N, C-alpha and C. Protein backbone atom coordinates (compact mmCIF):
# COMPACT_ATOMS: atom_id res chain seq x y z
N MET A 1 94.19 -34.65 -1.27
CA MET A 1 95.13 -33.58 -0.99
C MET A 1 95.78 -33.71 0.38
N TYR A 2 95.05 -34.25 1.32
CA TYR A 2 95.53 -34.24 2.69
C TYR A 2 95.99 -35.61 3.20
N VAL A 3 96.17 -36.55 2.29
CA VAL A 3 96.58 -37.91 2.69
C VAL A 3 97.90 -37.88 3.44
N LYS A 4 98.89 -37.17 2.90
CA LYS A 4 100.21 -37.13 3.54
C LYS A 4 100.14 -36.44 4.89
N LEU A 5 99.43 -35.32 4.95
CA LEU A 5 99.30 -34.60 6.21
C LEU A 5 98.60 -35.45 7.26
N LEU A 6 97.50 -36.11 6.88
CA LEU A 6 96.79 -36.97 7.84
C LEU A 6 97.67 -38.11 8.31
N SER A 7 98.45 -38.67 7.39
CA SER A 7 99.37 -39.75 7.77
C SER A 7 100.40 -39.25 8.77
N GLN A 8 100.95 -38.07 8.52
CA GLN A 8 101.93 -37.49 9.45
C GLN A 8 101.29 -37.20 10.81
N LEU A 9 100.07 -36.66 10.80
CA LEU A 9 99.38 -36.38 12.06
C LEU A 9 99.13 -37.67 12.84
N ARG A 10 98.68 -38.70 12.14
CA ARG A 10 98.37 -39.96 12.82
C ARG A 10 99.63 -40.64 13.36
N SER A 11 100.78 -40.33 12.79
CA SER A 11 102.02 -40.91 13.30
C SER A 11 102.49 -40.21 14.57
N LYS A 12 101.94 -39.01 14.85
CA LYS A 12 102.38 -38.24 16.01
C LYS A 12 101.30 -38.08 17.08
N ALA A 13 100.03 -38.34 16.72
CA ALA A 13 98.94 -38.09 17.67
C ALA A 13 97.75 -38.99 17.35
N ILE A 14 96.85 -39.09 18.31
CA ILE A 14 95.59 -39.78 18.08
C ILE A 14 94.67 -38.78 17.39
N VAL A 15 94.18 -39.12 16.21
CA VAL A 15 93.36 -38.22 15.41
C VAL A 15 91.94 -38.75 15.36
N THR A 16 90.99 -37.91 15.70
CA THR A 16 89.57 -38.23 15.61
C THR A 16 88.94 -37.25 14.63
N GLU A 17 88.17 -37.77 13.68
CA GLU A 17 87.51 -36.91 12.70
C GLU A 17 86.02 -36.83 13.01
N ALA A 18 85.49 -35.62 12.97
CA ALA A 18 84.06 -35.41 13.19
C ALA A 18 83.41 -35.10 11.85
N GLN A 19 82.35 -35.82 11.53
CA GLN A 19 81.64 -35.64 10.26
C GLN A 19 80.32 -34.89 10.41
N THR A 20 79.87 -34.72 11.65
CA THR A 20 78.61 -34.01 11.89
C THR A 20 78.81 -33.00 13.01
N GLY A 21 77.88 -32.07 13.13
CA GLY A 21 77.94 -31.09 14.20
C GLY A 21 77.92 -31.74 15.57
N LEU A 22 77.06 -32.75 15.73
CA LEU A 22 76.94 -33.43 17.02
C LEU A 22 78.24 -34.13 17.40
N THR A 23 78.85 -34.86 16.46
CA THR A 23 80.10 -35.55 16.78
C THR A 23 81.22 -34.55 17.02
N ALA A 24 81.16 -33.39 16.36
CA ALA A 24 82.17 -32.35 16.62
C ALA A 24 82.05 -31.84 18.05
N ILE A 25 80.83 -31.54 18.48
CA ILE A 25 80.62 -31.04 19.84
C ILE A 25 81.05 -32.09 20.86
N GLN A 26 80.69 -33.35 20.62
CA GLN A 26 81.08 -34.42 21.53
C GLN A 26 82.60 -34.57 21.57
N GLY A 27 83.23 -34.47 20.42
CA GLY A 27 84.68 -34.59 20.35
C GLY A 27 85.39 -33.45 21.05
N ILE A 28 84.88 -32.25 20.89
CA ILE A 28 85.49 -31.09 21.52
C ILE A 28 85.35 -31.18 23.03
N SER A 29 84.34 -31.87 23.51
CA SER A 29 84.13 -32.01 24.95
C SER A 29 85.17 -32.89 25.60
N GLN A 30 85.87 -33.69 24.82
CA GLN A 30 86.90 -34.54 25.38
C GLN A 30 88.15 -33.73 25.65
N SER A 31 89.09 -34.33 26.33
CA SER A 31 90.35 -33.65 26.62
C SER A 31 91.25 -33.77 25.39
N LEU A 32 91.25 -32.71 24.58
CA LEU A 32 92.00 -32.72 23.34
C LEU A 32 93.20 -31.81 23.41
N LYS A 33 94.21 -32.13 22.63
CA LYS A 33 95.38 -31.24 22.50
C LYS A 33 95.04 -30.06 21.60
N ALA A 34 94.29 -30.31 20.52
CA ALA A 34 93.95 -29.25 19.58
C ALA A 34 92.80 -29.71 18.68
N VAL A 35 92.15 -28.71 18.06
CA VAL A 35 91.09 -28.98 17.08
C VAL A 35 91.49 -28.30 15.78
N LEU A 36 91.51 -29.06 14.69
CA LEU A 36 91.79 -28.53 13.37
C LEU A 36 90.47 -28.41 12.63
N VAL A 37 90.10 -27.21 12.24
CA VAL A 37 88.85 -26.98 11.51
C VAL A 37 89.22 -26.87 10.04
N THR A 38 88.77 -27.86 9.26
CA THR A 38 89.26 -27.99 7.88
C THR A 38 88.27 -27.57 6.80
N ASP A 39 87.07 -27.14 7.18
CA ASP A 39 86.14 -26.64 6.17
C ASP A 39 85.28 -25.55 6.79
N PRO A 40 84.65 -24.72 5.95
CA PRO A 40 83.91 -23.57 6.47
C PRO A 40 82.50 -23.88 6.95
N GLY A 41 82.12 -25.15 7.01
CA GLY A 41 80.78 -25.49 7.48
C GLY A 41 80.48 -24.95 8.86
N VAL A 42 81.50 -24.81 9.69
CA VAL A 42 81.33 -24.31 11.05
C VAL A 42 80.82 -22.87 11.08
N THR A 43 80.96 -22.16 9.98
CA THR A 43 80.51 -20.76 9.94
C THR A 43 79.01 -20.64 9.64
N LYS A 44 78.37 -21.73 9.28
CA LYS A 44 76.95 -21.70 8.93
C LYS A 44 76.08 -21.68 10.19
N ARG A 45 74.94 -21.03 10.07
CA ARG A 45 74.03 -20.87 11.21
C ARG A 45 73.67 -22.22 11.83
N LYS A 46 73.47 -23.25 11.02
CA LYS A 46 73.05 -24.55 11.56
C LYS A 46 74.13 -25.18 12.44
N HIS A 47 75.37 -24.66 12.36
CA HIS A 47 76.46 -25.19 13.19
C HIS A 47 76.92 -24.17 14.23
N SER A 48 76.04 -23.25 14.60
CA SER A 48 76.43 -22.22 15.56
C SER A 48 76.79 -22.82 16.92
N ALA A 49 76.19 -23.94 17.29
CA ALA A 49 76.54 -24.59 18.56
C ALA A 49 77.97 -25.10 18.52
N VAL A 50 78.41 -25.58 17.36
CA VAL A 50 79.79 -26.05 17.22
C VAL A 50 80.74 -24.86 17.36
N ALA A 51 80.41 -23.77 16.69
CA ALA A 51 81.25 -22.57 16.77
C ALA A 51 81.35 -22.06 18.20
N GLN A 52 80.23 -22.04 18.90
CA GLN A 52 80.24 -21.58 20.29
C GLN A 52 81.08 -22.50 21.17
N ARG A 53 81.02 -23.81 20.89
CA ARG A 53 81.83 -24.75 21.67
C ARG A 53 83.32 -24.55 21.39
N LEU A 54 83.67 -24.26 20.13
CA LEU A 54 85.07 -23.98 19.80
C LEU A 54 85.57 -22.77 20.57
N VAL A 55 84.76 -21.73 20.63
CA VAL A 55 85.16 -20.51 21.34
C VAL A 55 85.39 -20.81 22.82
N SER A 56 84.48 -21.54 23.45
CA SER A 56 84.65 -21.84 24.88
C SER A 56 85.82 -22.80 25.09
N TYR A 57 86.05 -23.71 24.14
CA TYR A 57 87.19 -24.63 24.22
C TYR A 57 88.50 -23.84 24.26
N VAL A 58 88.60 -22.80 23.44
CA VAL A 58 89.81 -21.98 23.42
C VAL A 58 89.87 -21.08 24.65
N LYS A 59 88.86 -20.23 24.81
CA LYS A 59 88.93 -19.17 25.82
C LYS A 59 88.86 -19.69 27.25
N GLU A 60 88.02 -20.69 27.49
CA GLU A 60 87.82 -21.18 28.85
C GLU A 60 88.63 -22.43 29.17
N ASP A 61 88.61 -23.41 28.23
CA ASP A 61 89.28 -24.68 28.49
C ASP A 61 90.78 -24.64 28.21
N GLY A 62 91.24 -23.58 27.54
CA GLY A 62 92.68 -23.48 27.24
C GLY A 62 93.12 -24.30 26.05
N GLY A 63 92.19 -24.64 25.16
CA GLY A 63 92.52 -25.44 23.99
C GLY A 63 93.09 -24.61 22.86
N THR A 64 93.47 -25.31 21.80
CA THR A 64 93.98 -24.68 20.59
C THR A 64 93.08 -25.05 19.43
N VAL A 65 92.65 -24.06 18.67
CA VAL A 65 91.87 -24.28 17.45
C VAL A 65 92.64 -23.66 16.29
N VAL A 66 92.77 -24.42 15.21
CA VAL A 66 93.46 -23.94 14.01
C VAL A 66 92.53 -24.09 12.81
N PHE A 67 92.26 -23.00 12.13
CA PHE A 67 91.48 -23.02 10.89
C PHE A 67 92.45 -23.21 9.74
N MET A 68 92.21 -24.23 8.93
CA MET A 68 93.18 -24.61 7.90
C MET A 68 92.50 -25.44 6.81
N GLY A 69 93.28 -25.96 5.90
CA GLY A 69 92.74 -26.85 4.87
C GLY A 69 91.78 -26.13 3.95
N HIS A 70 90.64 -26.75 3.71
CA HIS A 70 89.63 -26.17 2.81
C HIS A 70 88.90 -24.98 3.42
N PHE A 71 89.14 -24.71 4.68
CA PHE A 71 88.46 -23.59 5.33
C PHE A 71 88.65 -22.30 4.54
N SER A 72 89.90 -21.96 4.23
CA SER A 72 90.16 -20.68 3.57
C SER A 72 89.76 -20.68 2.10
N GLY A 73 89.88 -21.81 1.44
CA GLY A 73 89.60 -21.86 0.01
C GLY A 73 88.13 -21.94 -0.36
N PHE A 74 87.28 -22.32 0.59
CA PHE A 74 85.87 -22.52 0.27
C PHE A 74 84.94 -21.62 1.06
N ILE A 75 85.48 -20.62 1.73
CA ILE A 75 84.63 -19.70 2.48
C ILE A 75 84.51 -18.39 1.72
N SER A 76 83.35 -17.77 1.79
CA SER A 76 83.18 -16.47 1.14
C SER A 76 83.77 -15.39 2.04
N PRO A 77 84.21 -14.28 1.46
CA PRO A 77 84.74 -13.19 2.29
C PRO A 77 83.74 -12.73 3.35
N SER A 78 82.49 -12.58 2.99
CA SER A 78 81.51 -12.08 3.97
C SER A 78 81.29 -13.08 5.10
N ASP A 79 81.28 -14.39 4.79
CA ASP A 79 81.11 -15.39 5.85
C ASP A 79 82.31 -15.40 6.79
N MET A 80 83.53 -15.28 6.22
CA MET A 80 84.71 -15.27 7.08
C MET A 80 84.71 -14.04 7.99
N ASN A 81 84.42 -12.88 7.40
CA ASN A 81 84.42 -11.65 8.19
C ASN A 81 83.41 -11.71 9.33
N ALA A 82 82.20 -12.18 9.02
CA ALA A 82 81.15 -12.28 10.04
C ALA A 82 81.52 -13.30 11.10
N PHE A 83 82.11 -14.42 10.70
CA PHE A 83 82.47 -15.48 11.65
C PHE A 83 83.49 -14.99 12.67
N PHE A 84 84.57 -14.38 12.20
CA PHE A 84 85.59 -13.92 13.14
C PHE A 84 85.07 -12.77 14.00
N SER A 85 84.21 -11.94 13.45
CA SER A 85 83.67 -10.83 14.22
C SER A 85 82.63 -11.30 15.23
N ASN A 86 81.64 -12.06 14.78
CA ASN A 86 80.52 -12.45 15.64
C ASN A 86 80.85 -13.54 16.64
N GLN A 87 81.61 -14.54 16.21
CA GLN A 87 81.92 -15.66 17.11
C GLN A 87 83.15 -15.41 17.98
N TRP A 88 84.18 -14.78 17.40
CA TRP A 88 85.46 -14.65 18.10
C TRP A 88 85.74 -13.22 18.58
N ASN A 89 84.87 -12.29 18.21
CA ASN A 89 85.07 -10.88 18.57
C ASN A 89 86.44 -10.37 18.10
N LEU A 90 86.79 -10.76 16.86
CA LEU A 90 88.07 -10.37 16.25
C LEU A 90 87.81 -9.51 15.02
N PRO A 91 88.70 -8.56 14.73
CA PRO A 91 88.54 -7.73 13.54
C PRO A 91 89.12 -8.36 12.28
N TRP A 92 89.55 -9.62 12.36
CA TRP A 92 90.18 -10.28 11.22
C TRP A 92 89.24 -10.28 10.02
N LYS A 93 89.80 -9.97 8.85
CA LYS A 93 89.03 -9.89 7.61
C LYS A 93 89.72 -10.68 6.50
N PHE A 94 88.90 -11.14 5.57
CA PHE A 94 89.35 -11.83 4.36
C PHE A 94 90.24 -10.87 3.56
N GLY A 95 91.42 -11.33 3.18
CA GLY A 95 92.36 -10.48 2.44
C GLY A 95 92.64 -11.00 1.04
N ALA A 96 93.83 -10.70 0.56
CA ALA A 96 94.24 -11.07 -0.80
C ALA A 96 94.40 -12.58 -0.93
N TYR A 97 94.43 -13.01 -2.19
CA TYR A 97 94.64 -14.43 -2.50
C TYR A 97 95.71 -14.52 -3.58
N HIS A 98 96.89 -14.99 -3.21
CA HIS A 98 97.98 -15.12 -4.18
C HIS A 98 99.10 -15.97 -3.59
N ARG A 99 100.06 -16.30 -4.45
CA ARG A 99 101.24 -17.03 -4.02
C ARG A 99 102.44 -16.09 -4.01
N THR A 100 103.22 -16.21 -2.95
CA THR A 100 104.51 -15.53 -2.86
C THR A 100 105.36 -16.28 -1.83
N THR A 101 106.59 -15.84 -1.68
CA THR A 101 107.45 -16.39 -0.64
C THR A 101 107.38 -15.47 0.57
N PHE A 102 107.05 -16.06 1.70
CA PHE A 102 106.88 -15.33 2.95
C PHE A 102 108.07 -15.59 3.86
N SER A 103 108.27 -14.69 4.79
CA SER A 103 109.34 -14.84 5.79
C SER A 103 108.75 -14.97 7.18
N LEU A 104 109.46 -15.69 8.03
CA LEU A 104 109.05 -15.85 9.42
C LEU A 104 109.07 -14.49 10.10
N ASN A 105 108.04 -14.17 10.83
CA ASN A 105 107.92 -12.88 11.50
C ASN A 105 108.75 -12.87 12.77
N THR A 106 109.72 -11.99 12.83
CA THR A 106 110.59 -11.91 14.01
C THR A 106 109.94 -11.14 15.15
N HIS A 107 108.78 -10.53 14.91
CA HIS A 107 108.09 -9.75 15.95
C HIS A 107 106.94 -10.50 16.58
N HIS A 108 106.84 -11.81 16.32
CA HIS A 108 105.74 -12.59 16.89
C HIS A 108 105.83 -12.58 18.40
N ASN A 109 104.69 -12.64 19.08
CA ASN A 109 104.67 -12.52 20.54
C ASN A 109 105.08 -13.79 21.26
N ARG A 110 105.46 -14.80 20.51
CA ARG A 110 105.94 -16.07 21.07
C ARG A 110 104.87 -16.85 21.82
N SER A 111 103.60 -16.67 21.42
CA SER A 111 102.56 -17.53 22.01
C SER A 111 102.76 -18.96 21.52
N MET A 112 103.56 -19.12 20.48
CA MET A 112 103.97 -20.44 20.02
C MET A 112 105.45 -20.56 20.35
N ASP A 113 105.76 -21.25 21.43
CA ASP A 113 107.12 -21.29 21.95
C ASP A 113 108.16 -21.77 20.95
N SER A 114 107.75 -22.67 20.07
CA SER A 114 108.73 -23.29 19.17
C SER A 114 108.72 -22.67 17.78
N ILE A 115 108.39 -21.40 17.68
CA ILE A 115 108.36 -20.73 16.37
C ILE A 115 109.73 -20.81 15.69
N HIS A 116 110.79 -20.87 16.50
CA HIS A 116 112.14 -20.93 15.93
C HIS A 116 112.39 -22.23 15.17
N ASN A 117 111.54 -23.24 15.34
CA ASN A 117 111.68 -24.51 14.62
C ASN A 117 111.14 -24.46 13.20
N LEU A 118 110.44 -23.39 12.86
CA LEU A 118 109.80 -23.28 11.54
C LEU A 118 110.80 -22.79 10.50
N PRO A 119 110.53 -23.12 9.22
CA PRO A 119 111.40 -22.62 8.14
C PRO A 119 111.41 -21.10 8.13
N ARG A 120 112.55 -20.52 7.83
CA ARG A 120 112.69 -19.06 7.79
C ARG A 120 111.87 -18.44 6.66
N THR A 121 111.72 -19.18 5.56
CA THR A 121 110.89 -18.71 4.44
C THR A 121 110.05 -19.87 3.92
N CYS A 122 108.96 -19.54 3.29
CA CYS A 122 108.14 -20.56 2.64
C CYS A 122 107.31 -19.91 1.55
N SER A 123 107.09 -20.66 0.48
CA SER A 123 106.24 -20.20 -0.60
C SER A 123 104.90 -20.89 -0.46
N MET A 124 103.83 -20.09 -0.51
CA MET A 124 102.50 -20.70 -0.46
C MET A 124 101.49 -19.82 -1.18
N LYS A 125 100.48 -20.48 -1.71
CA LYS A 125 99.33 -19.79 -2.30
C LYS A 125 98.26 -19.77 -1.23
N ALA A 126 97.89 -18.57 -0.79
CA ALA A 126 97.06 -18.50 0.40
C ALA A 126 96.03 -17.38 0.33
N VAL A 127 94.95 -17.60 1.08
CA VAL A 127 93.99 -16.55 1.40
C VAL A 127 94.53 -15.87 2.65
N HIS A 128 94.82 -14.60 2.55
CA HIS A 128 95.41 -13.85 3.65
C HIS A 128 94.33 -13.29 4.58
N LEU A 129 94.77 -12.94 5.78
CA LEU A 129 93.93 -12.22 6.72
C LEU A 129 94.47 -10.81 6.87
N ARG A 130 93.56 -9.85 7.01
CA ARG A 130 93.99 -8.49 7.33
C ARG A 130 93.38 -8.09 8.67
N ASN A 131 93.81 -6.96 9.18
CA ASN A 131 93.40 -6.49 10.52
C ASN A 131 93.88 -7.42 11.63
N VAL A 132 95.06 -8.00 11.43
CA VAL A 132 95.66 -8.86 12.43
C VAL A 132 96.87 -8.13 13.00
N PRO A 133 97.01 -8.04 14.32
CA PRO A 133 98.18 -7.37 14.89
C PRO A 133 99.47 -8.13 14.56
N LEU A 134 100.54 -7.39 14.33
CA LEU A 134 101.80 -7.99 13.91
C LEU A 134 102.30 -9.06 14.87
N GLU A 135 102.02 -8.89 16.15
CA GLU A 135 102.52 -9.87 17.12
C GLU A 135 101.83 -11.23 16.99
N ALA A 136 100.73 -11.32 16.24
CA ALA A 136 100.04 -12.59 16.02
C ALA A 136 100.46 -13.25 14.72
N VAL A 137 101.28 -12.59 13.93
CA VAL A 137 101.65 -13.05 12.59
C VAL A 137 102.82 -14.04 12.65
N ILE A 138 102.67 -15.17 11.96
CA ILE A 138 103.76 -16.13 11.87
C ILE A 138 104.58 -15.89 10.60
N TYR A 139 103.90 -15.77 9.46
CA TYR A 139 104.60 -15.49 8.20
C TYR A 139 104.06 -14.20 7.58
N THR A 140 104.94 -13.45 6.94
CA THR A 140 104.57 -12.19 6.32
C THR A 140 105.36 -11.98 5.03
N ALA A 141 104.78 -11.23 4.11
CA ALA A 141 105.51 -10.83 2.91
C ALA A 141 106.57 -9.80 3.32
N THR A 142 107.63 -9.71 2.53
CA THR A 142 108.70 -8.74 2.79
C THR A 142 108.95 -7.94 1.52
N ASP A 143 109.91 -7.04 1.58
CA ASP A 143 110.27 -6.24 0.40
C ASP A 143 110.78 -7.12 -0.74
N ASN A 144 111.24 -8.32 -0.43
CA ASN A 144 111.74 -9.24 -1.45
C ASN A 144 110.64 -10.13 -2.04
N SER A 145 109.45 -10.10 -1.49
CA SER A 145 108.36 -10.96 -1.96
C SER A 145 107.83 -10.48 -3.31
N ARG A 146 107.67 -11.44 -4.23
CA ARG A 146 107.15 -11.17 -5.56
C ARG A 146 105.99 -12.12 -5.82
N LEU A 147 105.02 -11.65 -6.62
CA LEU A 147 103.92 -12.50 -7.03
C LEU A 147 104.49 -13.69 -7.78
N GLU A 148 104.13 -14.90 -7.37
CA GLU A 148 104.60 -16.12 -8.01
C GLU A 148 103.43 -16.73 -8.77
N SER A 149 103.47 -16.62 -10.09
CA SER A 149 102.34 -17.03 -10.91
C SER A 149 102.82 -17.46 -12.28
N LEU A 150 102.12 -18.41 -12.88
CA LEU A 150 102.40 -18.81 -14.25
C LEU A 150 101.72 -17.88 -15.24
N VAL A 151 100.84 -17.02 -14.74
CA VAL A 151 100.04 -16.15 -15.60
C VAL A 151 100.46 -14.68 -15.48
N PHE A 152 100.70 -14.23 -14.24
CA PHE A 152 100.97 -12.82 -14.01
C PHE A 152 102.46 -12.56 -13.82
N ALA A 153 102.88 -11.34 -14.10
CA ALA A 153 104.28 -10.94 -13.94
C ALA A 153 104.67 -10.98 -12.47
N PRO A 154 105.96 -11.22 -12.18
CA PRO A 154 106.42 -11.29 -10.79
C PRO A 154 106.56 -9.91 -10.14
N THR A 155 105.45 -9.22 -10.00
CA THR A 155 105.47 -7.89 -9.41
C THR A 155 105.67 -7.96 -7.90
N ALA A 156 106.20 -6.90 -7.35
CA ALA A 156 106.45 -6.84 -5.90
C ALA A 156 105.13 -6.86 -5.14
N ILE A 157 105.13 -7.56 -4.01
CA ILE A 157 103.98 -7.55 -3.12
C ILE A 157 104.10 -6.28 -2.28
N GLU A 158 103.21 -5.35 -2.52
CA GLU A 158 103.32 -4.05 -1.87
C GLU A 158 102.61 -3.98 -0.52
N ASP A 159 101.54 -4.76 -0.37
CA ASP A 159 100.78 -4.73 0.88
C ASP A 159 101.36 -5.75 1.86
N HIS A 160 102.02 -5.27 2.89
CA HIS A 160 102.60 -6.15 3.89
C HIS A 160 101.76 -6.19 5.16
N THR A 161 100.48 -5.86 5.02
CA THR A 161 99.58 -5.85 6.18
C THR A 161 98.52 -6.95 6.09
N GLU A 162 98.76 -7.93 5.22
CA GLU A 162 97.89 -9.11 5.11
C GLU A 162 98.77 -10.33 5.27
N TYR A 163 98.24 -11.37 5.95
CA TYR A 163 99.10 -12.46 6.39
C TYR A 163 98.47 -13.83 6.12
N PRO A 164 99.29 -14.81 5.71
CA PRO A 164 98.76 -16.13 5.41
C PRO A 164 98.70 -17.07 6.61
N VAL A 165 99.49 -16.79 7.65
CA VAL A 165 99.54 -17.67 8.81
C VAL A 165 99.60 -16.81 10.07
N VAL A 166 98.64 -17.02 10.97
CA VAL A 166 98.62 -16.28 12.23
C VAL A 166 98.34 -17.22 13.39
N PHE A 167 98.76 -16.81 14.57
CA PHE A 167 98.56 -17.62 15.77
C PHE A 167 98.59 -16.67 16.97
N THR A 168 97.55 -16.74 17.79
CA THR A 168 97.47 -15.79 18.90
C THR A 168 96.83 -16.43 20.12
N GLN A 169 97.15 -15.89 21.27
CA GLN A 169 96.51 -16.33 22.50
C GLN A 169 95.15 -15.67 22.61
N MET A 170 94.16 -16.46 23.02
CA MET A 170 92.81 -15.94 23.28
C MET A 170 92.33 -16.56 24.58
N GLY A 171 92.09 -15.71 25.57
CA GLY A 171 91.68 -16.25 26.86
C GLY A 171 92.75 -17.19 27.37
N ASN A 172 92.35 -18.41 27.73
CA ASN A 172 93.29 -19.41 28.24
C ASN A 172 93.95 -20.24 27.15
N GLY A 173 93.49 -20.08 25.90
CA GLY A 173 93.99 -20.93 24.83
C GLY A 173 94.57 -20.16 23.67
N HIS A 174 94.57 -20.81 22.50
CA HIS A 174 95.18 -20.23 21.31
C HIS A 174 94.32 -20.46 20.08
N LEU A 175 94.41 -19.49 19.16
CA LEU A 175 93.69 -19.56 17.90
C LEU A 175 94.67 -19.37 16.76
N GLY A 176 94.60 -20.27 15.77
CA GLY A 176 95.49 -20.19 14.62
C GLY A 176 94.74 -20.21 13.30
N TYR A 177 95.42 -19.73 12.27
CA TYR A 177 94.85 -19.72 10.92
C TYR A 177 95.98 -19.98 9.94
N ILE A 178 95.74 -20.93 9.03
CA ILE A 178 96.68 -21.21 7.94
C ILE A 178 95.88 -21.10 6.65
N GLY A 179 96.16 -20.06 5.87
CA GLY A 179 95.37 -19.78 4.67
C GLY A 179 95.83 -20.49 3.43
N ASP A 180 96.88 -21.30 3.51
CA ASP A 180 97.40 -22.02 2.35
C ASP A 180 96.33 -22.94 1.78
N VAL A 181 96.17 -22.92 0.46
CA VAL A 181 95.15 -23.75 -0.18
C VAL A 181 95.72 -24.98 -0.86
N ASN A 182 97.04 -25.17 -0.83
CA ASN A 182 97.68 -26.26 -1.58
C ASN A 182 98.44 -27.26 -0.72
N THR A 183 98.28 -27.23 0.56
CA THR A 183 98.96 -28.15 1.48
C THR A 183 100.45 -28.25 1.20
N GLU A 184 101.14 -27.14 1.29
CA GLU A 184 102.59 -27.13 1.11
C GLU A 184 103.25 -27.93 2.22
N GLU A 185 104.47 -28.38 1.97
CA GLU A 185 105.21 -29.18 2.94
C GLU A 185 105.35 -28.44 4.28
N GLU A 186 105.55 -27.12 4.22
CA GLU A 186 105.72 -26.34 5.45
C GLU A 186 104.47 -26.36 6.33
N ASP A 187 103.31 -26.58 5.72
CA ASP A 187 102.07 -26.58 6.51
C ASP A 187 102.12 -27.58 7.65
N SER A 188 102.64 -28.77 7.37
CA SER A 188 102.69 -29.80 8.40
C SER A 188 103.49 -29.32 9.61
N ARG A 189 104.63 -28.71 9.36
CA ARG A 189 105.46 -28.23 10.46
C ARG A 189 104.76 -27.14 11.24
N VAL A 190 104.08 -26.24 10.54
CA VAL A 190 103.35 -25.17 11.24
C VAL A 190 102.24 -25.76 12.08
N ILE A 191 101.48 -26.70 11.52
CA ILE A 191 100.38 -27.33 12.26
C ILE A 191 100.90 -28.03 13.51
N PHE A 192 101.98 -28.80 13.38
CA PHE A 192 102.53 -29.51 14.52
C PHE A 192 102.97 -28.53 15.61
N GLU A 193 103.60 -27.44 15.21
CA GLU A 193 104.06 -26.45 16.20
C GLU A 193 102.88 -25.76 16.87
N MET A 194 101.84 -25.39 16.08
CA MET A 194 100.67 -24.77 16.68
C MET A 194 99.98 -25.70 17.66
N CYS A 195 99.95 -26.98 17.33
CA CYS A 195 99.26 -27.96 18.19
C CYS A 195 100.14 -28.48 19.32
N GLY A 196 101.40 -28.12 19.30
CA GLY A 196 102.31 -28.57 20.36
C GLY A 196 102.65 -30.05 20.30
N ILE A 197 102.74 -30.58 19.04
CA ILE A 197 103.12 -31.99 18.87
C ILE A 197 104.36 -32.12 18.01
């Protein structure tokens, strides 16, 4: 699923992959531009040292961490809620899961300077976050958003308080989340902008 994205990343940056908690901690200790967390293993108790290092990397070292890829699709709601609350002291919660067309949020706080480079709209199937302040939201459903499904009717998306893509400043650094589960083309552009590459 991620062959194209990894190829694009490797064409723009030096990419190091960590397969164990120890290599993740060692990798985070280096001078990195950003860390992409692609699976929910980091939320497990046995990897609490990795989670703590990610928090200090963002808040103290000024790094950027983005949760993406299989992270949203393979995490349970309770694990996600506990992780953001206990590790990051954030009220972010697991939200709806569906596909629709989202619009770029014009009220974003501009912690991502190049937000204007992103597509104005994008369709994605995503696990949303709720309890996120509007200024941290990159994409949001609008009055024009409809459920996009081969099974269900294209009903209007009524809840505009859950978001598939968020990015916010935390301490000296930044924290991002991309809930898309299908690696849409727009994901690459969002990831590059969040990582500053």
